[in-house]
Amino acid sequence: MGILGTLLIGLLIGAVARFLKPGEQPMGWGMTLLLGIGGQALGIYRAGQPAGFVGAVLGAIVLLVVFGYLRKS
């Protein structure tokens, strides 16, 4: 997958993760993009696996929870 594909998939994963996690996440589209790429980088996602998208979204939700705890302290 090229860089553009990674960026687009990352943005989609970040947006889905932010939609699924309850509460407000004060971040722009750039942080959403980085969140989705971070979800992919956790290693759950493998290119070409349909369930990998779900794993990347779950990874991004975990990162959102960690980001929320770090932001509070």
PDB file of N, CA and C in Angstrom:
ATOM      1  N   MET A   1       0.845  -1.166   0.000  1.00  0.00           N
ATOM      2  CA  MET A   1       0.000   0.000   0.000  1.00  0.00           C
ATOM      3  C   MET A   1       0.896   1.235   0.000  1.00  0.00           C
ATOM      4  N   GLY A   2       0.562   2.183  -0.801  1.00  0.00           N
ATOM      5  CA  GLY A   2       1.347   3.399  -0.895  1.00  0.00           C
ATOM      6  C   GLY A   2       1.059   4.360   0.244  1.00  0.00           C
ATOM      7  N   ILE A   3       1.776   5.451   0.221  1.00  0.00           N
ATOM      8  CA  ILE A   3       1.627   6.449   1.279  1.00  0.00           C
ATOM      9  C   ILE A   3       0.226   7.065   1.257  1.00  0.00           C
ATOM     10  N   LEU A   4      -0.267   7.378   0.075  1.00  0.00           N
ATOM     11  CA  LEU A   4      -1.600   7.969  -0.035  1.00  0.00           C
ATOM     12  C   LEU A   4      -2.673   7.013   0.491  1.00  0.00           C
ATOM     13  N   GLY A   5      -2.551   5.742   0.167  1.00  0.00           N
ATOM     14  CA  GLY A   5      -3.500   4.737   0.662  1.00  0.00           C
ATOM     15  C   GLY A   5      -3.456   4.627   2.179  1.00  0.00           C
ATOM     16  N   THR A   6      -2.251   4.655   2.747  1.00  0.00           N
ATOM     17  CA  THR A   6      -2.103   4.604   4.196  1.00  0.00           C
ATOM     18  C   THR A   6      -2.746   5.809   4.856  1.00  0.00           C
ATOM     19  N   LEU A   7      -2.568   6.989   4.262  1.00  0.00           N
ATOM     20  CA  LEU A   7      -3.160   8.196   4.820  1.00  0.00           C
ATOM     21  C   LEU A   7      -4.688   8.151   4.762  1.00  0.00           C
ATOM     22  N   LEU A   8      -5.232   7.710   3.645  1.00  0.00           N
ATOM     23  CA  LEU A   8      -6.689   7.647   3.509  1.00  0.00           C
ATOM     24  C   LEU A   8      -7.303   6.618   4.451  1.00  0.00           C
ATOM     25  N   ILE A   9      -6.701   5.436   4.517  1.00  0.00           N
ATOM     26  CA  ILE A   9      -7.198   4.399   5.420  1.00  0.00           C
ATOM     27  C   ILE A   9      -7.040   4.854   6.869  1.00  0.00           C
ATOM     28  N   GLY A  10      -5.925   5.515   7.191  1.00  0.00           N
ATOM     29  CA  GLY A  10      -5.702   6.023   8.541  1.00  0.00           C
ATOM     30  C   GLY A  10      -6.750   7.041   8.946  1.00  0.00           C
ATOM     31  N   LEU A  11      -7.095   7.935   8.027  1.00  0.00           N
ATOM     32  CA  LEU A  11      -8.125   8.930   8.310  1.00  0.00           C
ATOM     33  C   LEU A  11      -9.474   8.261   8.543  1.00  0.00           C
ATOM     34  N   LEU A  12      -9.788   7.268   7.744  1.00  0.00           N
ATOM     35  CA  LEU A  12     -11.045   6.538   7.900  1.00  0.00           C
ATOM     36  C   LEU A  12     -11.080   5.784   9.227  1.00  0.00           C
ATOM     37  N   ILE A  13      -9.993   5.112   9.575  1.00  0.00           N
ATOM     38  CA  ILE A  13      -9.931   4.371  10.833  1.00  0.00           C
ATOM     39  C   ILE A  13     -10.056   5.317  12.021  1.00  0.00           C
ATOM     40  N   GLY A  14      -9.354   6.438  11.981  1.00  0.00           N
ATOM     41  CA  GLY A  14      -9.442   7.414  13.060  1.00  0.00           C
ATOM     42  C   GLY A  14     -10.842   7.973  13.218  1.00  0.00           C
ATOM     43  N   ALA A  15     -11.498   8.263  12.108  1.00  0.00           N
ATOM     44  CA  ALA A  15     -12.860   8.805  12.162  1.00  0.00           C
ATOM     45  C   ALA A  15     -13.838   7.783  12.735  1.00  0.00           C
ATOM     46  N   VAL A  16     -13.709   6.529  12.336  1.00  0.00           N
ATOM     47  CA  VAL A  16     -14.587   5.483  12.861  1.00  0.00           C
ATOM     48  C   VAL A  16     -14.340   5.286  14.353  1.00  0.00           C
ATOM     49  N   ALA A  17     -13.085   5.294  14.770  1.00  0.00           N
ATOM     50  CA  ALA A  17     -12.762   5.126  16.189  1.00  0.00           C
ATOM     51  C   ALA A  17     -13.334   6.275  17.015  1.00  0.00           C
ATOM     52  N   ARG A  18     -13.213   7.498  16.526  1.00  0.00           N
ATOM     53  CA  ARG A  18     -13.759   8.653  17.248  1.00  0.00           C
ATOM     54  C   ARG A  18     -15.280   8.589  17.300  1.00  0.00           C
ATOM     55  N   PHE A  19     -15.910   8.057  16.262  1.00  0.00           N
ATOM     56  CA  PHE A  19     -17.366   7.929  16.238  1.00  0.00           C
ATOM     57  C   PHE A  19     -17.835   6.876  17.242  1.00  0.00           C
ATOM     58  N   LEU A  20     -17.084   5.767  17.359  1.00  0.00           N
ATOM     59  CA  LEU A  20     -17.498   4.657  18.212  1.00  0.00           C
ATOM     60  C   LEU A  20     -17.211   4.899  19.693  1.00  0.00           C
ATOM     61  N   LYS A  21     -16.196   5.678  20.015  1.00  0.00           N
ATOM     62  CA  LYS A  21     -15.868   5.922  21.421  1.00  0.00           C
ATOM     63  C   LYS A  21     -16.771   7.026  21.958  1.00  0.00           C
ATOM     64  N   PRO A  22     -17.484   6.738  23.057  1.00  0.00           N
ATOM     65  CA  PRO A  22     -18.356   7.772  23.612  1.00  0.00           C
ATOM     66  C   PRO A  22     -17.563   8.926  24.214  1.00  0.00           C
ATOM     67  N   GLY A  23     -18.186  10.061  24.243  1.00  0.00           N
ATOM     68  CA  GLY A  23     -17.541  11.253  24.791  1.00  0.00           C
ATOM     69  C   GLY A  23     -16.947  12.112  23.691  1.00  0.00           C
ATOM     70  N   GLU A  24     -16.423  13.257  24.124  1.00  0.00           N
ATOM     71  CA  GLU A  24     -15.860  14.199  23.171  1.00  0.00           C
ATOM     72  C   GLU A  24     -14.346  14.040  23.118  1.00  0.00           C
ATOM     73  N   GLN A  25     -13.805  14.012  21.919  1.00  0.00           N
ATOM     74  CA  GLN A  25     -12.358  13.967  21.716  1.00  0.00           C
ATOM     75  C   GLN A  25     -11.945  15.253  21.016  1.00  0.00           C
ATOM     76  N   PRO A  26     -11.344  16.178  21.767  1.00  0.00           N
ATOM     77  CA  PRO A  26     -10.985  17.467  21.163  1.00  0.00           C
ATOM     78  C   PRO A  26      -9.726  17.369  20.312  1.00  0.00           C
ATOM     79  N   MET A  27      -9.895  17.006  19.055  1.00  0.00           N
ATOM     80  CA  MET A  27      -8.763  16.923  18.131  1.00  0.00           C
ATOM     81  C   MET A  27      -9.241  17.213  16.722  1.00  0.00           C
ATOM     82  N   GLY A  28      -8.354  17.716  15.914  1.00  0.00           N
ATOM     83  CA  GLY A  28      -8.668  18.040  14.532  1.00  0.00           C
ATOM     84  C   GLY A  28      -8.475  16.842  13.613  1.00  0.00           C
ATOM     85  N   TRP A  29      -8.569  17.111  12.321  1.00  0.00           N
ATOM     86  CA  TRP A  29      -8.455  16.016  11.361  1.00  0.00           C
ATOM     87  C   TRP A  29      -7.028  15.477  11.289  1.00  0.00           C
ATOM     88  N   GLY A  30      -6.031  16.314  11.563  1.00  0.00           N
ATOM     89  CA  GLY A  30      -4.640  15.852  11.553  1.00  0.00           C
ATOM     90  C   GLY A  30      -4.379  14.836  12.653  1.00  0.00           C
ATOM     91  N   MET A  31      -4.895  15.122  13.845  1.00  0.00           N
ATOM     92  CA  MET A  31      -4.741  14.163  14.949  1.00  0.00           C
ATOM     93  C   MET A  31      -5.569  12.909  14.698  1.00  0.00           C
ATOM     94  N   THR A  32      -6.719  13.066  14.039  1.00  0.00           N
ATOM     95  CA  THR A  32      -7.532  11.904  13.682  1.00  0.00           C
ATOM     96  C   THR A  32      -6.773  11.008  12.710  1.00  0.00           C
ATOM     97  N   LEU A  33      -6.082  11.629  11.771  1.00  0.00           N
ATOM     98  CA  LEU A  33      -5.264  10.887  10.819  1.00  0.00           C
ATOM     99  C   LEU A  33      -4.149  10.130  11.542  1.00  0.00           C
ATOM    100  N   LEU A  34      -3.460  10.814  12.446  1.00  0.00           N
ATOM    101  CA  LEU A  34      -2.386  10.162  13.205  1.00  0.00           C
ATOM    102  C   LEU A  34      -2.926   9.050  14.102  1.00  0.00           C
ATOM    103  N   LEU A  35      -4.114   9.244  14.643  1.00  0.00           N
ATOM    104  CA  LEU A  35      -4.755   8.215  15.457  1.00  0.00           C
ATOM    105  C   LEU A  35      -5.004   6.958  14.634  1.00  0.00           C
ATOM    106  N   GLY A  36      -5.519   7.128  13.434  1.00  0.00           N
ATOM    107  CA  GLY A  36      -5.777   5.974  12.562  1.00  0.00           C
ATOM    108  C   GLY A  36      -4.503   5.273  12.133  1.00  0.00           C
ATOM    109  N   ILE A  37      -3.468   6.030  11.835  1.00  0.00           N
ATOM    110  CA  ILE A  37      -2.184   5.422  11.466  1.00  0.00           C
ATOM    111  C   ILE A  37      -1.601   4.683  12.664  1.00  0.00           C
ATOM    112  N   GLY A  38      -1.770   5.264  13.866  1.00  0.00           N
ATOM    113  CA  GLY A  38      -1.320   4.584  15.082  1.00  0.00           C
ATOM    114  C   GLY A  38      -2.069   3.280  15.306  1.00  0.00           C
ATOM    115  N   GLY A  39      -3.361   3.270  15.009  1.00  0.00           N
ATOM    116  CA  GLY A  39      -4.151   2.037  15.122  1.00  0.00           C
ATOM    117  C   GLY A  39      -3.652   0.966  14.163  1.00  0.00           C
ATOM    118  N   GLN A  40      -3.236   1.381  12.982  1.00  0.00           N
ATOM    119  CA  GLN A  40      -2.672   0.436  12.020  1.00  0.00           C
ATOM    120  C   GLN A  40      -1.313  -0.059  12.484  1.00  0.00           C
ATOM    121  N   ALA A  41      -0.542   0.832  13.095  1.00  0.00           N
ATOM    122  CA  ALA A  41       0.827   0.497  13.483  1.00  0.00           C
ATOM    123  C   ALA A  41       0.894  -0.438  14.683  1.00  0.00           C
ATOM    124  N   LEU A  42      -0.204  -0.619  15.386  1.00  0.00           N
ATOM    125  CA  LEU A  42      -0.181  -1.521  16.532  1.00  0.00           C
ATOM    126  C   LEU A  42       0.066  -2.969  16.122  1.00  0.00           C
ATOM    127  N   GLY A  43      -0.050  -3.252  14.848  1.00  0.00           N
ATOM    128  CA  GLY A  43       0.285  -4.586  14.364  1.00  0.00           C
ATOM    129  C   GLY A  43      -0.886  -5.527  14.254  1.00  0.00           C
ATOM    130  N   ILE A  44      -2.078  -5.091  14.643  1.00  0.00           N
ATOM    131  CA  ILE A  44      -3.258  -5.943  14.522  1.00  0.00           C
ATOM    132  C   ILE A  44      -3.706  -5.987  13.069  1.00  0.00           C
ATOM    133  N   TYR A  45      -3.492  -4.901  12.362  1.00  0.00           N
ATOM    134  CA  TYR A  45      -3.942  -4.760  10.978  1.00  0.00           C
ATOM    135  C   TYR A  45      -2.913  -5.347  10.019  1.00  0.00           C
ATOM    136  N   ARG A  46      -3.352  -6.205   9.158  1.00  0.00           N
ATOM    137  CA  ARG A  46      -2.525  -6.727   8.078  1.00  0.00           C
ATOM    138  C   ARG A  46      -3.217  -6.382   6.765  1.00  0.00           C
ATOM    139  N   ALA A  47      -2.484  -5.844   5.840  1.00  0.00           N
ATOM    140  CA  ALA A  47      -3.058  -5.443   4.556  1.00  0.00           C
ATOM    141  C   ALA A  47      -3.674  -6.648   3.858  1.00  0.00           C
ATOM    142  N   GLY A  48      -4.877  -6.496   3.361  1.00  0.00           N
ATOM    143  CA  GLY A  48      -5.550  -7.549   2.630  1.00  0.00           C
ATOM    144  C   GLY A  48      -6.455  -8.422   3.490  1.00  0.00           C
ATOM    145  N   GLN A  49      -6.461  -8.248   4.793  1.00  0.00           N
ATOM    146  CA  GLN A  49      -7.335  -9.024   5.657  1.00  0.00           C
ATOM    147  C   GLN A  49      -8.573  -8.200   5.993  1.00  0.00           C
ATOM    148  N   PRO A  50      -9.762  -8.733   5.720  1.00  0.00           N
ATOM    149  CA  PRO A  50     -10.975  -7.960   6.015  1.00  0.00           C
ATOM    150  C   PRO A  50     -11.133  -7.655   7.506  1.00  0.00           C
ATOM    151  N   ALA A  51     -10.779  -8.570   8.380  1.00  0.00           N
ATOM    152  CA  ALA A  51     -10.912  -8.342   9.820  1.00  0.00           C
ATOM    153  C   ALA A  51      -9.827  -7.408  10.335  1.00  0.00           C
ATOM    154  N   GLY A  52      -8.817  -7.130   9.538  1.00  0.00           N
ATOM    155  CA  GLY A  52      -7.750  -6.231   9.953  1.00  0.00           C
ATOM    156  C   GLY A  52      -8.229  -4.813  10.163  1.00  0.00           C
ATOM    157  N   PHE A  53      -9.226  -4.385   9.415  1.00  0.00           N
ATOM    158  CA  PHE A  53      -9.783  -3.051   9.594  1.00  0.00           C
ATOM    159  C   PHE A  53     -10.390  -2.919  10.985  1.00  0.00           C
ATOM    160  N   VAL A  54     -11.112  -3.948  11.413  1.00  0.00           N
ATOM    161  CA  VAL A  54     -11.725  -3.944  12.741  1.00  0.00           C
ATOM    162  C   VAL A  54     -10.634  -3.904  13.807  1.00  0.00           C
ATOM    163  N   GLY A  55      -9.573  -4.669  13.615  1.00  0.00           N
ATOM    164  CA  GLY A  55      -8.459  -4.657  14.558  1.00  0.00           C
ATOM    165  C   GLY A  55      -7.793  -3.296  14.645  1.00  0.00           C
ATOM    166  N   ALA A  56      -7.648  -2.623  13.528  1.00  0.00           N
ATOM    167  CA  ALA A  56      -7.041  -1.294  13.517  1.00  0.00           C
ATOM    168  C   ALA A  56      -7.944  -0.278  14.210  1.00  0.00           C
ATOM    169  N   VAL A  57      -9.253  -0.403  14.036  1.00  0.00           N
ATOM    170  CA  VAL A  57     -10.181   0.492  14.723  1.00  0.00           C
ATOM    171  C   VAL A  57     -10.112   0.254  16.233  1.00  0.00           C
ATOM    172  N   LEU A  58     -10.060  -1.003  16.657  1.00  0.00           N
ATOM    173  CA  LEU A  58      -9.930  -1.305  18.080  1.00  0.00           C
ATOM    174  C   LEU A  58      -8.625  -0.752  18.637  1.00  0.00           C
ATOM    175  N   GLY A  59      -7.558  -0.867  17.880  1.00  0.00           N
ATOM    176  CA  GLY A  59      -6.285  -0.294  18.301  1.00  0.00           C
ATOM    177  C   GLY A  59      -6.356   1.217  18.431  1.00  0.00           C
ATOM    178  N   ALA A  60      -7.065   1.866  17.520  1.00  0.00           N
ATOM    179  CA  ALA A  60      -7.219   3.320  17.576  1.00  0.00           C
ATOM    180  C   ALA A  60      -8.072   3.732  18.774  1.00  0.00           C
ATOM    181  N   ILE A  61      -9.070   2.926  19.125  1.00  0.00           N
ATOM    182  CA  ILE A  61      -9.876   3.220  20.307  1.00  0.00           C
ATOM    183  C   ILE A  61      -9.031   3.112  21.564  1.00  0.00           C
ATOM    184  N   VAL A  62      -8.158   2.108  21.623  1.00  0.00           N
ATOM    185  CA  VAL A  62      -7.241   1.987  22.758  1.00  0.00           C
ATOM    186  C   VAL A  62      -6.352   3.228  22.848  1.00  0.00           C
ATOM    187  N   LEU A  63      -5.859   3.692  21.720  1.00  0.00           N
ATOM    188  CA  LEU A  63      -5.034   4.898  21.719  1.00  0.00           C
ATOM    189  C   LEU A  63      -5.835   6.124  22.154  1.00  0.00           C
ATOM    190  N   LEU A  64      -7.108   6.185  21.791  1.00  0.00           N
ATOM    191  CA  LEU A  64      -7.960   7.292  22.237  1.00  0.00           C
ATOM    192  C   LEU A  64      -8.120   7.289  23.751  1.00  0.00           C
ATOM    193  N   VAL A  65      -8.279   6.114  24.343  1.00  0.00           N
ATOM    194  CA  VAL A  65      -8.429   6.010  25.785  1.00  0.00           C
ATOM    195  C   VAL A  65      -7.141   6.452  26.471  1.00  0.00           C
ATOM    196  N   VAL A  66      -6.005   5.990  25.967  1.00  0.00           N
ATOM    197  CA  VAL A  66      -4.708   6.391  26.535  1.00  0.00           C
ATOM    198  C   VAL A  66      -4.502   7.890  26.377  1.00  0.00           C
ATOM    199  N   PHE A  67      -4.838   8.429  25.224  1.00  0.00           N
ATOM    200  CA  PHE A  67      -4.708   9.863  24.969  1.00  0.00           C
ATOM    201  C   PHE A  67      -5.583  10.657  25.936  1.00  0.00           C
ATOM    202  N   GLY A  68      -6.783  10.156  26.224  1.00  0.00           N
ATOM    203  CA  GLY A  68      -7.678  10.824  27.163  1.00  0.00           C
ATOM    204  C   GLY A  68      -7.120  10.853  28.581  1.00  0.00           C
ATOM    205  N   TYR A  69      -6.521   9.747  29.011  1.00  0.00           N
ATOM    206  CA  TYR A  69      -5.929   9.708  30.350  1.00  0.00           C
ATOM    207  C   TYR A  69      -4.717  10.622  30.434  1.00  0.00           C
ATOM    208  N   LEU A  70      -3.899  10.657  29.412  1.00  0.00           N
ATOM    209  CA  LEU A  70      -2.733  11.518  29.424  1.00  0.00           C
ATOM    210  C   LEU A  70      -3.102  12.996  29.375  1.00  0.00           C
ATOM    211  N   ARG A  71      -4.169  13.289  28.693  1.00  0.00           N
ATOM    212  CA  ARG A  71      -4.607  14.676  28.558  1.00  0.00           C
ATOM    213  C   ARG A  71      -5.169  15.199  29.886  1.00  0.00           C
ATOM    214  N   LYS A  72      -5.802  14.318  30.682  1.00  0.00           N
ATOM    215  CA  LYS A  72      -6.369  14.727  31.964  1.00  0.00           C
ATOM    216  C   LYS A  72      -5.300  15.022  33.002  1.00  0.00           C
ATOM    217  N   SER A  73      -4.179  14.320  32.915  1.00  0.00           N
ATOM    218  CA  SER A  73      -3.150  14.524  33.943  1.00  0.00           C
ATOM    219  C   SER A  73      -2.169  15.608  33.606  1.00  0.00           C
TER     220      SER A  73
END
